[in-house]
Amino acid sequence: MKQSSGTLLYRFGSSGLEVLLVHPSGNYNRRAPWGIPKGAPNTGETLEQAARRETLEETGVVAGALVDLGYIDYTRSRKRVYCFAGQAPADAAPHCASWEVDQVGFLLIARARQLIHIDQLPFLDRLAELLQSSTELPSTR
């Protein structure tokens, strides 16, 4: 099974919880869903190291402390995606740092739910659960 690893970075904006997502580039991806910045681990690289590298390569953002959100398996392909979550640095200024993405940005969680790859939707749920259980935050759904 192919493996991929990425991050779900978040921040609290003036309108609520926002997550950092990317959109794949290329005309054939014009209608493709958004997703977490991710990619395949290099030889000898841990899943978390791969997630950090891919996030930097695709968005220009350096991830800080991360928590493992587990993995999901794509329903249409034999691919397993691992995800690590963390609060985005206060000075994060994401941009398209690679030819692999044509859009990158922080999206309100409700909008992210509409745009994210359907198989990655559980990562948003897991993040919301993590934030609710670890702090006294109002519902993020």
C-alpha atoms as a PDB file:
ATOM      1  CA  MET A   1       0.000   0.000   0.000  1.00  0.00           C
ATOM      2  CA  LYS A   2       1.328   3.449  -0.900  1.00  0.00           C
ATOM      3  CA  GLN A   3       1.923   5.772   2.044  1.00  0.00           C
ATOM      4  CA  SER A   4       1.697   9.518   2.327  1.00  0.00           C
ATOM      5  CA  SER A   5       2.136  11.809   5.299  1.00  0.00           C
ATOM      6  CA  GLY A   6       1.050  15.381   5.942  1.00  0.00           C
ATOM      7  CA  THR A   7      -0.028  17.989   8.432  1.00  0.00           C
ATOM      8  CA  LEU A   8      -3.236  19.661   9.454  1.00  0.00           C
ATOM      9  CA  LEU A   9      -2.078  23.008  10.788  1.00  0.00           C
ATOM     10  CA  TYR A  10      -4.658  25.218  12.457  1.00  0.00           C
ATOM     11  CA  ARG A  11      -5.084  28.677  13.914  1.00  0.00           C
ATOM     12  CA  PHE A  12      -7.830  30.686  15.527  1.00  0.00           C
ATOM     13  CA  GLY A  13      -8.799  33.605  13.308  1.00  0.00           C
ATOM     14  CA  SER A  14     -11.269  36.369  14.035  1.00  0.00           C
ATOM     15  CA  SER A  15     -14.094  34.193  12.671  1.00  0.00           C
ATOM     16  CA  GLY A  16     -13.067  30.943  14.351  1.00  0.00           C
ATOM     17  CA  LEU A  17     -11.005  27.844  13.725  1.00  0.00           C
ATOM     18  CA  GLU A  18      -9.076  27.804  10.434  1.00  0.00           C
ATOM     19  CA  VAL A  19      -7.053  24.989   8.879  1.00  0.00           C
ATOM     20  CA  LEU A  20      -4.280  25.110   6.298  1.00  0.00           C
ATOM     21  CA  LEU A  21      -5.170  23.253   3.093  1.00  0.00           C
ATOM     22  CA  VAL A  22      -3.725  23.058  -0.410  1.00  0.00           C
ATOM     23  CA  HIS A  23      -5.186  22.507  -3.868  1.00  0.00           C
ATOM     24  CA  PRO A  24      -3.254  20.383  -6.375  1.00  0.00           C
ATOM     25  CA  SER A  25      -2.061  22.156  -9.519  1.00  0.00           C
ATOM     26  CA  GLY A  26      -2.574  21.191 -13.123  1.00  0.00           C
ATOM     27  CA  ASN A  27      -5.474  21.592 -15.503  1.00  0.00           C
ATOM     28  CA  TYR A  28      -6.548  18.011 -14.812  1.00  0.00           C
ATOM     29  CA  ASN A  29      -6.911  18.949 -11.107  1.00  0.00           C
ATOM     30  CA  ARG A  30      -9.089  21.977 -11.807  1.00  0.00           C
ATOM     31  CA  ARG A  31     -12.068  20.339 -10.059  1.00  0.00           C
ATOM     32  CA  ALA A  32     -10.035  18.247  -7.621  1.00  0.00           C
ATOM     33  CA  PRO A  33     -10.711  18.601  -3.911  1.00  0.00           C
ATOM     34  CA  TRP A  34      -8.395  20.400  -1.508  1.00  0.00           C
ATOM     35  CA  GLY A  35      -6.358  18.463   1.030  1.00  0.00           C
ATOM     36  CA  ILE A  36      -3.678  18.575   3.655  1.00  0.00           C
ATOM     37  CA  PRO A  37      -0.145  19.254   2.436  1.00  0.00           C
ATOM     38  CA  LYS A  38       1.309  15.750   2.143  1.00  0.00           C
ATOM     39  CA  GLY A  39       3.616  13.453   0.265  1.00  0.00           C
ATOM     40  CA  ALA A  40       5.490  10.172   0.292  1.00  0.00           C
ATOM     41  CA  PRO A  41       8.229   9.659   2.874  1.00  0.00           C
ATOM     42  CA  ASN A  42      11.787   9.463   1.585  1.00  0.00           C
ATOM     43  CA  THR A  43      13.937   6.448   2.422  1.00  0.00           C
ATOM     44  CA  GLY A  44      14.915   6.570   6.093  1.00  0.00           C
ATOM     45  CA  GLU A  45      12.475   9.378   6.880  1.00  0.00           C
ATOM     46  CA  THR A  46       9.852   8.982   9.617  1.00  0.00           C
ATOM     47  CA  LEU A  47       6.229   9.767   8.849  1.00  0.00           C
ATOM     48  CA  GLU A  48       6.410  12.935  10.954  1.00  0.00           C
ATOM     49  CA  GLN A  49       9.597  14.083   9.223  1.00  0.00           C
ATOM     50  CA  ALA A  50       7.926  13.527   5.848  1.00  0.00           C
ATOM     51  CA  ALA A  51       4.865  15.496   6.971  1.00  0.00           C
ATOM     52  CA  ARG A  52       7.029  18.429   8.086  1.00  0.00           C
ATOM     53  CA  ARG A  53       9.085  18.396   4.874  1.00  0.00           C
ATOM     54  CA  GLU A  54       6.057  18.205   2.607  1.00  0.00           C
ATOM     55  CA  THR A  55       4.322  21.041   4.455  1.00  0.00           C
ATOM     56  CA  LEU A  56       7.376  23.257   4.101  1.00  0.00           C
ATOM     57  CA  GLU A  57       7.858  22.305   0.445  1.00  0.00           C
ATOM     58  CA  GLU A  58       4.226  22.950  -0.517  1.00  0.00           C
ATOM     59  CA  THR A  59       3.283  25.923   1.700  1.00  0.00           C
ATOM     60  CA  GLY A  60       6.504  27.505   2.949  1.00  0.00           C
ATOM     61  CA  VAL A  61       5.290  27.023   6.545  1.00  0.00           C
ATOM     62  CA  VAL A  62       7.492  25.393   9.178  1.00  0.00           C
ATOM     63  CA  ALA A  63       5.416  23.216  11.498  1.00  0.00           C
ATOM     64  CA  GLY A  64       6.002  23.383  15.240  1.00  0.00           C
ATOM     65  CA  ALA A  65       4.872  20.781  17.774  1.00  0.00           C
ATOM     66  CA  LEU A  66       2.693  18.096  16.200  1.00  0.00           C
ATOM     67  CA  VAL A  67       0.231  15.489  17.456  1.00  0.00           C
ATOM     68  CA  ASP A  68      -0.458  12.248  15.600  1.00  0.00           C
ATOM     69  CA  LEU A  69      -4.020  12.125  14.216  1.00  0.00           C
ATOM     70  CA  GLY A  70      -3.641   8.619  12.843  1.00  0.00           C
ATOM     71  CA  TYR A  71      -4.354   7.660   9.265  1.00  0.00           C
ATOM     72  CA  ILE A  72      -7.102   7.152   6.710  1.00  0.00           C
ATOM     73  CA  ASP A  73      -7.220   4.860   3.703  1.00  0.00           C
ATOM     74  CA  TYR A  74      -8.461   6.258   0.405  1.00  0.00           C
ATOM     75  CA  THR A  75     -11.526   4.367  -0.756  1.00  0.00           C
ATOM     76  CA  ARG A  76     -10.685   4.465  -4.468  1.00  0.00           C
ATOM     77  CA  SER A  77      -6.948   3.849  -4.409  1.00  0.00           C
ATOM     78  CA  ARG A  78      -4.573   1.791  -2.371  1.00  0.00           C
ATOM     79  CA  LYS A  79      -3.150   4.729  -0.465  1.00  0.00           C
ATOM     80  CA  ARG A  80      -2.823   5.319   3.273  1.00  0.00           C
ATOM     81  CA  VAL A  81      -2.490   8.924   4.438  1.00  0.00           C
ATOM     82  CA  TYR A  82      -1.038   9.720   7.865  1.00  0.00           C
ATOM     83  CA  CYS A  83      -1.742  13.091   9.464  1.00  0.00           C
ATOM     84  CA  PHE A  84      -0.107  15.156  12.180  1.00  0.00           C
ATOM     85  CA  ALA A  85      -1.825  18.228  13.627  1.00  0.00           C
ATOM     86  CA  GLY A  86      -0.402  21.327  15.210  1.00  0.00           C
ATOM     87  CA  GLN A  87      -1.029  24.980  15.765  1.00  0.00           C
ATOM     88  CA  ALA A  88       0.387  27.066  12.948  1.00  0.00           C
ATOM     89  CA  PRO A  89       3.152  29.520  13.848  1.00  0.00           C
ATOM     90  CA  ALA A  90       1.777  32.985  14.615  1.00  0.00           C
ATOM     91  CA  ASP A  91       3.763  34.446  11.725  1.00  0.00           C
ATOM     92  CA  ALA A  92       2.727  31.752   9.203  1.00  0.00           C
ATOM     93  CA  ALA A  93       2.375  33.231   5.721  1.00  0.00           C
ATOM     94  CA  PRO A  94       1.477  30.269   3.511  1.00  0.00           C
ATOM     95  CA  HIS A  95       2.090  30.503  -0.207  1.00  0.00           C
ATOM     96  CA  CYS A  96       2.346  28.159  -3.176  1.00  0.00           C
ATOM     97  CA  ALA A  97       5.927  27.061  -2.639  1.00  0.00           C
ATOM     98  CA  SER A  98       5.860  24.177  -5.115  1.00  0.00           C
ATOM     99  CA  TRP A  99       4.597  23.449  -8.607  1.00  0.00           C
ATOM    100  CA  GLU A 100       2.485  20.715  -6.994  1.00  0.00           C
ATOM    101  CA  VAL A 101      -0.077  23.199  -5.621  1.00  0.00           C
ATOM    102  CA  ASP A 102      -1.878  26.136  -7.216  1.00  0.00           C
ATOM    103  CA  GLN A 103      -3.718  27.369  -4.119  1.00  0.00           C
ATOM    104  CA  VAL A 104      -2.899  27.333  -0.439  1.00  0.00           C
ATOM    105  CA  GLY A 105      -4.529  29.015   2.492  1.00  0.00           C
ATOM    106  CA  PHE A 106      -6.196  28.969   5.855  1.00  0.00           C
ATOM    107  CA  LEU A 107      -9.873  28.112   5.500  1.00  0.00           C
ATOM    108  CA  LEU A 108     -12.594  28.297   8.108  1.00  0.00           C
ATOM    109  CA  ILE A 109     -13.357  24.775   9.305  1.00  0.00           C
ATOM    110  CA  ALA A 110     -16.886  24.878   7.818  1.00  0.00           C
ATOM    111  CA  ARG A 111     -15.506  25.836   4.392  1.00  0.00           C
ATOM    112  CA  ALA A 112     -12.726  23.255   4.698  1.00  0.00           C
ATOM    113  CA  ARG A 113     -15.378  20.573   5.267  1.00  0.00           C
ATOM    114  CA  GLN A 114     -16.915  21.497   1.909  1.00  0.00           C
ATOM    115  CA  LEU A 115     -13.644  21.528  -0.048  1.00  0.00           C
ATOM    116  CA  ILE A 116     -11.474  18.785   1.463  1.00  0.00           C
ATOM    117  CA  HIS A 117     -11.052  15.372  -0.170  1.00  0.00           C
ATOM    118  CA  ILE A 118     -13.924  13.293   1.211  1.00  0.00           C
ATOM    119  CA  ASP A 119     -11.556  10.608   2.499  1.00  0.00           C
ATOM    120  CA  GLN A 120      -9.596  13.225   4.481  1.00  0.00           C
ATOM    121  CA  LEU A 121     -12.711  14.570   6.237  1.00  0.00           C
ATOM    122  CA  PRO A 122     -12.062  12.409   9.337  1.00  0.00           C
ATOM    123  CA  PHE A 123      -8.886  14.439   9.971  1.00  0.00           C
ATOM    124  CA  LEU A 124     -11.032  17.554  10.492  1.00  0.00           C
ATOM    125  CA  ASP A 125     -13.267  15.622  12.899  1.00  0.00           C
ATOM    126  CA  ARG A 126     -10.262  14.288  14.801  1.00  0.00           C
ATOM    127  CA  LEU A 127      -8.771  17.778  15.070  1.00  0.00           C
ATOM    128  CA  ALA A 128     -12.053  19.197  16.399  1.00  0.00           C
ATOM    129  CA  GLU A 129     -12.257  16.377  18.968  1.00  0.00           C
ATOM    130  CA  LEU A 130      -8.651  16.920  20.007  1.00  0.00           C
ATOM    131  CA  LEU A 131      -9.163  20.652  20.493  1.00  0.00           C
ATOM    132  CA  GLN A 132     -12.404  20.150  22.422  1.00  0.00           C
ATOM    133  CA  SER A 133     -10.889  17.562  24.729  1.00  0.00           C
ATOM    134  CA  SER A 134      -7.667  19.439  25.421  1.00  0.00           C
ATOM    135  CA  THR A 135      -9.036  22.933  26.037  1.00  0.00           C
ATOM    136  CA  GLU A 136     -12.151  24.760  27.128  1.00  0.00           C
ATOM    137  CA  LEU A 137     -13.078  25.758  23.582  1.00  0.00           C
ATOM    138  CA  PRO A 138     -16.589  26.151  22.261  1.00  0.00           C
ATOM    139  CA  SER A 139     -17.662  23.719  19.572  1.00  0.00           C
ATOM    140  CA  THR A 140     -15.598  24.055  16.379  1.00  0.00           C
ATOM    141  CA  ARG A 141     -18.145  22.367  14.110  1.00  0.00           C
END
